[in-house]
Structure formats: structure tokens, C-alpha cells
Amino acid sequence: MPTTIKSTELDFFEIKESLKLFLKQQDEFEDYDFDGSALSNLLDVLAYNTHFNGLIANFALNESYLTTAQMRNSVVSLAESLG
């Protein structure tokens, strides 16, 4: 039985399906209907939170390299460190 949830994709619906698959494999949730219950709302919140955190991490990582930085202050800061 897997103990981790794969959330490498930034697509909201893939994250939600991954969460559903993970929970369906748990003994406590094997008889639950994840599409028509309150669990669907909870999965939406979890998937949105994971999606949002992944995007923020991606944006922050892009700004930490000179070749992918988009904001002027990030480029200036990275250029200053190079001299």
C-alpha cells in the first residue's frame, strides 16, 4: 500500500485524482463515494492547496536563477552577486 501521494503535476484535476486514488486504497475509505459527498469538497480544498503551493514554489525557483528570472528586482539582485 502506498504511503505517499504523487503530486509532481501542477494540474488541479490530476492532483485531485491522485488524492482520490490514495484514499480509495486506505481501509477507512474503501466504501466512500468521493464524487458525491462532502469528501469531494475536502479533496477540492486539498488539491487546490497543493496546486497553489506548487505554483508558488515554481515561481520562486524561477526567480532564483538569472536566466529564468522575470522580475526586475530579481535580475538586479542576481546580477549584483555576479559583479
PDB file of N, CA and C in Angstrom:
ATOM      1  N   MET A   1       0.832  -1.164   0.000  1.00  0.00           N
ATOM      2  CA  MET A   1       0.000   0.000   0.000  1.00  0.00           C
ATOM      3  C   MET A   1       0.890   1.246   0.000  1.00  0.00           C
ATOM      4  N   PRO A   2       0.654   2.192  -0.923  1.00  0.00           N
ATOM      5  CA  PRO A   2       1.493   3.381  -0.967  1.00  0.00           C
ATOM      6  C   PRO A   2       1.248   4.277   0.243  1.00  0.00           C
ATOM      7  N   THR A   3       2.301   4.894   0.697  1.00  0.00           N
ATOM      8  CA  THR A   3       2.174   5.797   1.837  1.00  0.00           C
ATOM      9  C   THR A   3       2.400   7.244   1.439  1.00  0.00           C
ATOM     10  N   THR A   4       2.666   7.490   0.172  1.00  0.00           N
ATOM     11  CA  THR A   4       2.857   8.857  -0.291  1.00  0.00           C
ATOM     12  C   THR A   4       1.898   9.153  -1.433  1.00  0.00           C
ATOM     13  N   ILE A   5       1.654  10.435  -1.630  1.00  0.00           N
ATOM     14  CA  ILE A   5       0.799  10.893  -2.718  1.00  0.00           C
ATOM     15  C   ILE A   5       1.684  11.598  -3.727  1.00  0.00           C
ATOM     16  N   LYS A   6       1.630  11.170  -4.979  1.00  0.00           N
ATOM     17  CA  LYS A   6       2.436  11.809  -6.012  1.00  0.00           C
ATOM     18  C   LYS A   6       1.742  13.088  -6.463  1.00  0.00           C
ATOM     19  N   SER A   7       2.415  14.193  -6.290  1.00  0.00           N
ATOM     20  CA  SER A   7       1.851  15.479  -6.705  1.00  0.00           C
ATOM     21  C   SER A   7       2.859  16.254  -7.528  1.00  0.00           C
ATOM     22  N   THR A   8       3.506  15.580  -8.457  1.00  0.00           N
ATOM     23  CA  THR A   8       4.511  16.247  -9.276  1.00  0.00           C
ATOM     24  C   THR A   8       3.888  17.075 -10.382  1.00  0.00           C
ATOM     25  N   GLU A   9       2.664  16.775 -10.756  1.00  0.00           N
ATOM     26  CA  GLU A   9       1.978  17.552 -11.780  1.00  0.00           C
ATOM     27  C   GLU A   9       1.329  18.770 -11.128  1.00  0.00           C
ATOM     28  N   LEU A  10       1.243  19.855 -11.871  1.00  0.00           N
ATOM     29  CA  LEU A  10       0.617  21.052 -11.339  1.00  0.00           C
ATOM     30  C   LEU A  10      -0.830  21.192 -11.783  1.00  0.00           C
ATOM     31  N   ASP A  11      -1.384  20.160 -12.402  1.00  0.00           N
ATOM     32  CA  ASP A  11      -2.763  20.199 -12.855  1.00  0.00           C
ATOM     33  C   ASP A  11      -3.702  19.869 -11.691  1.00  0.00           C
ATOM     34  N   PHE A  12      -4.675  20.734 -11.458  1.00  0.00           N
ATOM     35  CA  PHE A  12      -5.597  20.573 -10.337  1.00  0.00           C
ATOM     36  C   PHE A  12      -6.313  19.226 -10.386  1.00  0.00           C
ATOM     37  N   PHE A  13      -6.817  18.845 -11.553  1.00  0.00           N
ATOM     38  CA  PHE A  13      -7.609  17.625 -11.660  1.00  0.00           C
ATOM     39  C   PHE A  13      -6.758  16.373 -11.498  1.00  0.00           C
ATOM     40  N   GLU A  14      -5.506  16.397 -11.943  1.00  0.00           N
ATOM     41  CA  GLU A  14      -4.615  15.251 -11.729  1.00  0.00           C
ATOM     42  C   GLU A  14      -4.266  15.104 -10.255  1.00  0.00           C
ATOM     43  N   ILE A  15      -4.091  16.209  -9.575  1.00  0.00           N
ATOM     44  CA  ILE A  15      -3.819  16.159  -8.136  1.00  0.00           C
ATOM     45  C   ILE A  15      -5.020  15.584  -7.398  1.00  0.00           C
ATOM     46  N   LYS A  16      -6.222  16.023  -7.786  1.00  0.00           N
ATOM     47  CA  LYS A  16      -7.438  15.526  -7.133  1.00  0.00           C
ATOM     48  C   LYS A  16      -7.614  14.029  -7.381  1.00  0.00           C
ATOM     49  N   GLU A  17      -7.359  13.577  -8.599  1.00  0.00           N
ATOM     50  CA  GLU A  17      -7.464  12.142  -8.903  1.00  0.00           C
ATOM     51  C   GLU A  17      -6.430  11.345  -8.129  1.00  0.00           C
ATOM     52  N   SER A  18      -5.246  11.901  -7.972  1.00  0.00           N
ATOM     53  CA  SER A  18      -4.207  11.232  -7.194  1.00  0.00           C
ATOM     54  C   SER A  18      -4.630  11.103  -5.730  1.00  0.00           C
ATOM     55  N   LEU A  19      -5.240  12.146  -5.186  1.00  0.00           N
ATOM     56  CA  LEU A  19      -5.737  12.089  -3.818  1.00  0.00           C
ATOM     57  C   LEU A  19      -6.851  11.057  -3.675  1.00  0.00           C
ATOM     58  N   LYS A  20      -7.761  11.011  -4.655  1.00  0.00           N
ATOM     59  CA  LYS A  20      -8.839  10.017  -4.618  1.00  0.00           C
ATOM     60  C   LYS A  20      -8.278   8.601  -4.648  1.00  0.00           C
ATOM     61  N   LEU A  21      -7.325   8.374  -5.542  1.00  0.00           N
ATOM     62  CA  LEU A  21      -6.717   7.052  -5.652  1.00  0.00           C
ATOM     63  C   LEU A  21      -6.040   6.649  -4.356  1.00  0.00           C
ATOM     64  N   PHE A  22      -5.339   7.591  -3.747  1.00  0.00           N
ATOM     65  CA  PHE A  22      -4.673   7.308  -2.489  1.00  0.00           C
ATOM     66  C   PHE A  22      -5.681   6.948  -1.399  1.00  0.00           C
ATOM     67  N   LEU A  23      -6.759   7.728  -1.293  1.00  0.00           N
ATOM     68  CA  LEU A  23      -7.736   7.482  -0.239  1.00  0.00           C
ATOM     69  C   LEU A  23      -8.534   6.207  -0.480  1.00  0.00           C
ATOM     70  N   LYS A  24      -8.795   5.861  -1.738  1.00  0.00           N
ATOM     71  CA  LYS A  24      -9.526   4.628  -2.032  1.00  0.00           C
ATOM     72  C   LYS A  24      -8.739   3.393  -1.624  1.00  0.00           C
ATOM     73  N   GLN A  25      -7.424   3.508  -1.561  1.00  0.00           N
ATOM     74  CA  GLN A  25      -6.587   2.382  -1.179  1.00  0.00           C
ATOM     75  C   GLN A  25      -6.488   2.222   0.338  1.00  0.00           C
ATOM     76  N   GLN A  26      -6.979   3.204   1.085  1.00  0.00           N
ATOM     77  CA  GLN A  26      -6.965   3.126   2.535  1.00  0.00           C
ATOM     78  C   GLN A  26      -8.169   2.316   3.012  1.00  0.00           C
ATOM     79  N   ASP A  27      -8.000   1.522   4.041  1.00  0.00           N
ATOM     80  CA  ASP A  27      -9.078   0.690   4.569  1.00  0.00           C
ATOM     81  C   ASP A  27     -10.255   1.521   5.097  1.00  0.00           C
ATOM     82  N   GLU A  28      -9.969   2.689   5.651  1.00  0.00           N
ATOM     83  CA  GLU A  28     -11.015   3.509   6.251  1.00  0.00           C
ATOM     84  C   GLU A  28     -11.963   4.105   5.209  1.00  0.00           C
ATOM     85  N   PHE A  29     -11.503   4.280   3.970  1.00  0.00           N
ATOM     86  CA  PHE A  29     -12.286   4.987   2.964  1.00  0.00           C
ATOM     87  C   PHE A  29     -12.668   4.111   1.770  1.00  0.00           C
ATOM     88  N   GLU A  30     -12.590   2.807   1.882  1.00  0.00           N
ATOM     89  CA  GLU A  30     -12.805   1.956   0.712  1.00  0.00           C
ATOM     90  C   GLU A  30     -14.250   1.959   0.217  1.00  0.00           C
ATOM     91  N   ASP A  31     -15.228   2.240   1.064  1.00  0.00           N
ATOM     92  CA  ASP A  31     -16.631   2.246   0.655  1.00  0.00           C
ATOM     93  C   ASP A  31     -17.191   3.644   0.417  1.00  0.00           C
ATOM     94  N   TYR A  32     -16.376   4.674   0.440  1.00  0.00           N
ATOM     95  CA  TYR A  32     -16.850   6.041   0.296  1.00  0.00           C
ATOM     96  C   TYR A  32     -17.045   6.399  -1.180  1.00  0.00           C
ATOM     97  N   ASP A  33     -18.007   7.277  -1.430  1.00  0.00           N
ATOM     98  CA  ASP A  33     -18.214   7.846  -2.754  1.00  0.00           C
ATOM     99  C   ASP A  33     -17.550   9.215  -2.761  1.00  0.00           C
ATOM    100  N   PHE A  34     -16.436   9.336  -3.471  1.00  0.00           N
ATOM    101  CA  PHE A  34     -15.659  10.570  -3.435  1.00  0.00           C
ATOM    102  C   PHE A  34     -16.209  11.647  -4.369  1.00  0.00           C
ATOM    103  N   ASP A  35     -17.145  11.306  -5.247  1.00  0.00           N
ATOM    104  CA  ASP A  35     -17.658  12.288  -6.192  1.00  0.00           C
ATOM    105  C   ASP A  35     -18.912  12.991  -5.704  1.00  0.00           C
ATOM    106  N   GLY A  36     -19.706  12.367  -4.878  1.00  0.00           N
ATOM    107  CA  GLY A  36     -20.962  12.969  -4.467  1.00  0.00           C
ATOM    108  C   GLY A  36     -21.085  13.174  -2.978  1.00  0.00           C
ATOM    109  N   SER A  37     -19.997  13.361  -2.300  1.00  0.00           N
ATOM    110  CA  SER A  37     -20.063  13.505  -0.852  1.00  0.00           C
ATOM    111  C   SER A  37     -19.301  14.745  -0.407  1.00  0.00           C
ATOM    112  N   ALA A  38     -19.310  14.970   0.879  1.00  0.00           N
ATOM    113  CA  ALA A  38     -18.562  16.104   1.434  1.00  0.00           C
ATOM    114  C   ALA A  38     -17.064  15.899   1.253  1.00  0.00           C
ATOM    115  N   LEU A  39     -16.651  14.651   1.090  1.00  0.00           N
ATOM    116  CA  LEU A  39     -15.224  14.389   0.839  1.00  0.00           C
ATOM    117  C   LEU A  39     -14.770  15.029  -0.463  1.00  0.00           C
ATOM    118  N   SER A  40     -15.680  15.170  -1.421  1.00  0.00           N
ATOM    119  CA  SER A  40     -15.332  15.822  -2.676  1.00  0.00           C
ATOM    120  C   SER A  40     -14.922  17.269  -2.435  1.00  0.00           C
ATOM    121  N   ASN A  41     -15.639  17.959  -1.541  1.00  0.00           N
ATOM    122  CA  ASN A  41     -15.278  19.339  -1.207  1.00  0.00           C
ATOM    123  C   ASN A  41     -13.934  19.399  -0.497  1.00  0.00           C
ATOM    124  N   LEU A  42     -13.685  18.462   0.390  1.00  0.00           N
ATOM    125  CA  LEU A  42     -12.395  18.426   1.079  1.00  0.00           C
ATOM    126  C   LEU A  42     -11.257  18.132   0.108  1.00  0.00           C
ATOM    127  N   LEU A  43     -11.506  17.237  -0.845  1.00  0.00           N
ATOM    128  CA  LEU A  43     -10.495  16.935  -1.854  1.00  0.00           C
ATOM    129  C   LEU A  43     -10.235  18.142  -2.746  1.00  0.00           C
ATOM    130  N   ASP A  44     -11.278  18.918  -3.036  1.00  0.00           N
ATOM    131  CA  ASP A  44     -11.096  20.144  -3.808  1.00  0.00           C
ATOM    132  C   ASP A  44     -10.162  21.110  -3.085  1.00  0.00           C
ATOM    133  N   VAL A  45     -10.388  21.263  -1.783  1.00  0.00           N
ATOM    134  CA  VAL A  45      -9.551  22.167  -0.989  1.00  0.00           C
ATOM    135  C   VAL A  45      -8.108  21.663  -0.949  1.00  0.00           C
ATOM    136  N   LEU A  46      -7.924  20.378  -0.716  1.00  0.00           N
ATOM    137  CA  LEU A  46      -6.575  19.815  -0.669  1.00  0.00           C
ATOM    138  C   LEU A  46      -5.868  19.926  -2.020  1.00  0.00           C
ATOM    139  N   ALA A  47      -6.592  19.639  -3.088  1.00  0.00           N
ATOM    140  CA  ALA A  47      -5.999  19.711  -4.422  1.00  0.00           C
ATOM    141  C   ALA A  47      -5.665  21.151  -4.786  1.00  0.00           C
ATOM    142  N   TYR A  48      -6.550  22.089  -4.452  1.00  0.00           N
ATOM    143  CA  TYR A  48      -6.278  23.494  -4.729  1.00  0.00           C
ATOM    144  C   TYR A  48      -5.072  23.976  -3.945  1.00  0.00           C
ATOM    145  N   ASN A  49      -4.986  23.593  -2.685  1.00  0.00           N
ATOM    146  CA  ASN A  49      -3.857  23.996  -1.848  1.00  0.00           C
ATOM    147  C   ASN A  49      -2.545  23.434  -2.402  1.00  0.00           C
ATOM    148  N   THR A  50      -2.553  22.176  -2.807  1.00  0.00           N
ATOM    149  CA  THR A  50      -1.358  21.563  -3.387  1.00  0.00           C
ATOM    150  C   THR A  50      -0.985  22.239  -4.696  1.00  0.00           C
ATOM    151  N   HIS A  51      -1.985  22.514  -5.519  1.00  0.00           N
ATOM    152  CA  HIS A  51      -1.765  23.196  -6.796  1.00  0.00           C
ATOM    153  C   HIS A  51      -1.165  24.582  -6.569  1.00  0.00           C
ATOM    154  N   PHE A  52      -1.741  25.328  -5.651  1.00  0.00           N
ATOM    155  CA  PHE A  52      -1.280  26.682  -5.364  1.00  0.00           C
ATOM    156  C   PHE A  52       0.144  26.677  -4.804  1.00  0.00           C
ATOM    157  N   ASN A  53       0.435  25.770  -3.880  1.00  0.00           N
ATOM    158  CA  ASN A  53       1.784  25.680  -3.310  1.00  0.00           C
ATOM    159  C   ASN A  53       2.807  25.280  -4.358  1.00  0.00           C
ATOM    160  N   GLY A  54       2.423  24.393  -5.275  1.00  0.00           N
ATOM    161  CA  GLY A  54       3.325  24.010  -6.360  1.00  0.00           C
ATOM    162  C   GLY A  54       3.635  25.166  -7.279  1.00  0.00           C
ATOM    163  N   LEU A  55       2.633  25.977  -7.598  1.00  0.00           N
ATOM    164  CA  LEU A  55       2.860  27.143  -8.446  1.00  0.00           C
ATOM    165  C   LEU A  55       3.754  28.168  -7.760  1.00  0.00           C
ATOM    166  N   ILE A  56       3.508  28.419  -6.491  1.00  0.00           N
ATOM    167  CA  ILE A  56       4.336  29.373  -5.745  1.00  0.00           C
ATOM    168  C   ILE A  56       5.786  28.896  -5.694  1.00  0.00           C
ATOM    169  N   ALA A  57       5.989  27.613  -5.447  1.00  0.00           N
ATOM    170  CA  ALA A  57       7.357  27.070  -5.413  1.00  0.00           C
ATOM    171  C   ALA A  57       8.020  27.189  -6.778  1.00  0.00           C
ATOM    172  N   ASN A  58       7.255  26.939  -7.833  1.00  0.00           N
ATOM    173  CA  ASN A  58       7.800  27.046  -9.186  1.00  0.00           C
ATOM    174  C   ASN A  58       8.196  28.488  -9.500  1.00  0.00           C
ATOM    175  N   PHE A  59       7.334  29.441  -9.157  1.00  0.00           N
ATOM    176  CA  PHE A  59       7.644  30.848  -9.408  1.00  0.00           C
ATOM    177  C   PHE A  59       8.862  31.295  -8.608  1.00  0.00           C
ATOM    178  N   ALA A  60       8.936  30.872  -7.359  1.00  0.00           N
ATOM    179  CA  ALA A  60      10.068  31.270  -6.516  1.00  0.00           C
ATOM    180  C   ALA A  60      11.373  30.679  -7.045  1.00  0.00           C
ATOM    181  N   LEU A  61      11.318  29.452  -7.508  1.00  0.00           N
ATOM    182  CA  LEU A  61      12.521  28.828  -8.039  1.00  0.00           C
ATOM    183  C   LEU A  61      12.967  29.503  -9.338  1.00  0.00           C
ATOM    184  N   ASN A  62      12.019  29.854 -10.180  1.00  0.00           N
ATOM    185  CA  ASN A  62      12.366  30.540 -11.421  1.00  0.00           C
ATOM    186  C   ASN A  62      13.021  31.891 -11.167  1.00  0.00           C
ATOM    187  N   GLU A  63      12.601  32.580 -10.127  1.00  0.00           N
ATOM    188  CA  GLU A  63      13.170  33.888  -9.825  1.00  0.00           C
ATOM    189  C   GLU A  63      14.566  33.789  -9.202  1.00  0.00           C
ATOM    190  N   SER A  64      14.991  32.610  -8.816  1.00  0.00           N
ATOM    191  CA  SER A  64      16.291  32.481  -8.168  1.00  0.00           C
ATOM    192  C   SER A  64      17.423  32.226  -9.162  1.00  0.00           C
ATOM    193  N   TYR A  65      17.113  32.132 -10.456  1.00  0.00           N
ATOM    194  CA  TYR A  65      18.128  31.951 -11.488  1.00  0.00           C
ATOM    195  C   TYR A  65      18.078  33.106 -12.463  1.00  0.00           C
ATOM    196  N   LEU A  66      19.233  33.576 -12.886  1.00  0.00           N
ATOM    197  CA  LEU A  66      19.306  34.741 -13.760  1.00  0.00           C
ATOM    198  C   LEU A  66      18.648  34.491 -15.114  1.00  0.00           C
ATOM    199  N   THR A  67      18.780  33.305 -15.656  1.00  0.00           N
ATOM    200  CA  THR A  67      18.245  33.038 -16.990  1.00  0.00           C
ATOM    201  C   THR A  67      16.723  32.914 -17.006  1.00  0.00           C
ATOM    202  N   THR A  68      16.096  32.636 -15.888  1.00  0.00           N
ATOM    203  CA  THR A  68      14.639  32.466 -15.871  1.00  0.00           C
ATOM    204  C   THR A  68      13.917  33.536 -15.063  1.00  0.00           C
ATOM    205  N   ALA A  69      14.655  34.444 -14.441  1.00  0.00           N
ATOM    206  CA  ALA A  69      14.021  35.495 -13.641  1.00  0.00           C
ATOM    207  C   ALA A  69      13.244  36.449 -14.535  1.00  0.00           C
ATOM    208  N   GLN A  70      12.087  36.888 -14.066  1.00  0.00           N
ATOM    209  CA  GLN A  70      11.235  37.790 -14.834  1.00  0.00           C
ATOM    210  C   GLN A  70      11.100  39.155 -14.169  1.00  0.00           C
ATOM    211  N   MET A  71      11.197  39.181 -12.869  1.00  0.00           N
ATOM    212  CA  MET A  71      11.040  40.445 -12.151  1.00  0.00           C
ATOM    213  C   MET A  71      12.363  41.206 -12.156  1.00  0.00           C
ATOM    214  N   ARG A  72      12.275  42.521 -12.337  1.00  0.00           N
ATOM    215  CA  ARG A  72      13.482  43.343 -12.450  1.00  0.00           C
ATOM    216  C   ARG A  72      14.330  43.276 -11.189  1.00  0.00           C
ATOM    217  N   ASN A  73      13.703  43.340 -10.029  1.00  0.00           N
ATOM    218  CA  ASN A  73      14.496  43.326  -8.795  1.00  0.00           C
ATOM    219  C   ASN A  73      15.214  41.987  -8.599  1.00  0.00           C
ATOM    220  N   SER A  74      14.642  40.888  -9.096  1.00  0.00           N
ATOM    221  CA  SER A  74      15.326  39.593  -9.016  1.00  0.00           C
ATOM    222  C   SER A  74      16.541  39.576  -9.932  1.00  0.00           C
ATOM    223  N   VAL A  75      16.387  40.118 -11.142  1.00  0.00           N
ATOM    224  CA  VAL A  75      17.502  40.158 -12.090  1.00  0.00           C
ATOM    225  C   VAL A  75      18.616  41.042 -11.552  1.00  0.00           C
ATOM    226  N   VAL A  76      18.263  42.209 -10.999  1.00  0.00           N
ATOM    227  CA  VAL A  76      19.269  43.119 -10.448  1.00  0.00           C
ATOM    228  C   VAL A  76      19.994  42.471  -9.276  1.00  0.00           C
ATOM    229  N   SER A  77      19.258  41.814  -8.416  1.00  0.00           N
ATOM    230  CA  SER A  77      19.862  41.169  -7.252  1.00  0.00           C
ATOM    231  C   SER A  77      20.821  40.049  -7.674  1.00  0.00           C
ATOM    232  N   LEU A  78      20.404  39.255  -8.667  1.00  0.00           N
ATOM    233  CA  LEU A  78      21.269  38.174  -9.142  1.00  0.00           C
ATOM    234  C   LEU A  78      22.478  38.725  -9.885  1.00  0.00           C
ATOM    235  N   ALA A  79      22.313  39.820 -10.607  1.00  0.00           N
ATOM    236  CA  ALA A  79      23.418  40.413 -11.342  1.00  0.00           C
ATOM    237  C   ALA A  79      24.436  41.041 -10.393  1.00  0.00           C
ATOM    238  N   GLU A  80      23.956  41.606  -9.291  1.00  0.00           N
ATOM    239  CA  GLU A  80      24.878  42.194  -8.307  1.00  0.00           C
ATOM    240  C   GLU A  80      25.782  41.147  -7.706  1.00  0.00           C
ATOM    241  N   SER A  81      25.265  39.950  -7.511  1.00  0.00           N
ATOM    242  CA  SER A  81      26.098  38.905  -6.922  1.00  0.00           C
ATOM    243  C   SER A  81      27.180  38.428  -7.882  1.00  0.00           C
ATOM    244  N   LEU A  82      26.956  38.646  -9.182  1.00  0.00           N
ATOM    245  CA  LEU A  82      27.967  38.276 -10.174  1.00  0.00           C
ATOM    246  C   LEU A  82      29.014  39.362 -10.378  1.00  0.00           C
ATOM    247  N   GLY A  83      28.721  40.551  -9.932  1.00  0.00           N
ATOM    248  CA  GLY A  83      29.660  41.662 -10.064  1.00  0.00           C
ATOM    249  C   GLY A  83      29.297  42.466 -11.253  1.00  0.00           C
TER     250      GLY A  83
END
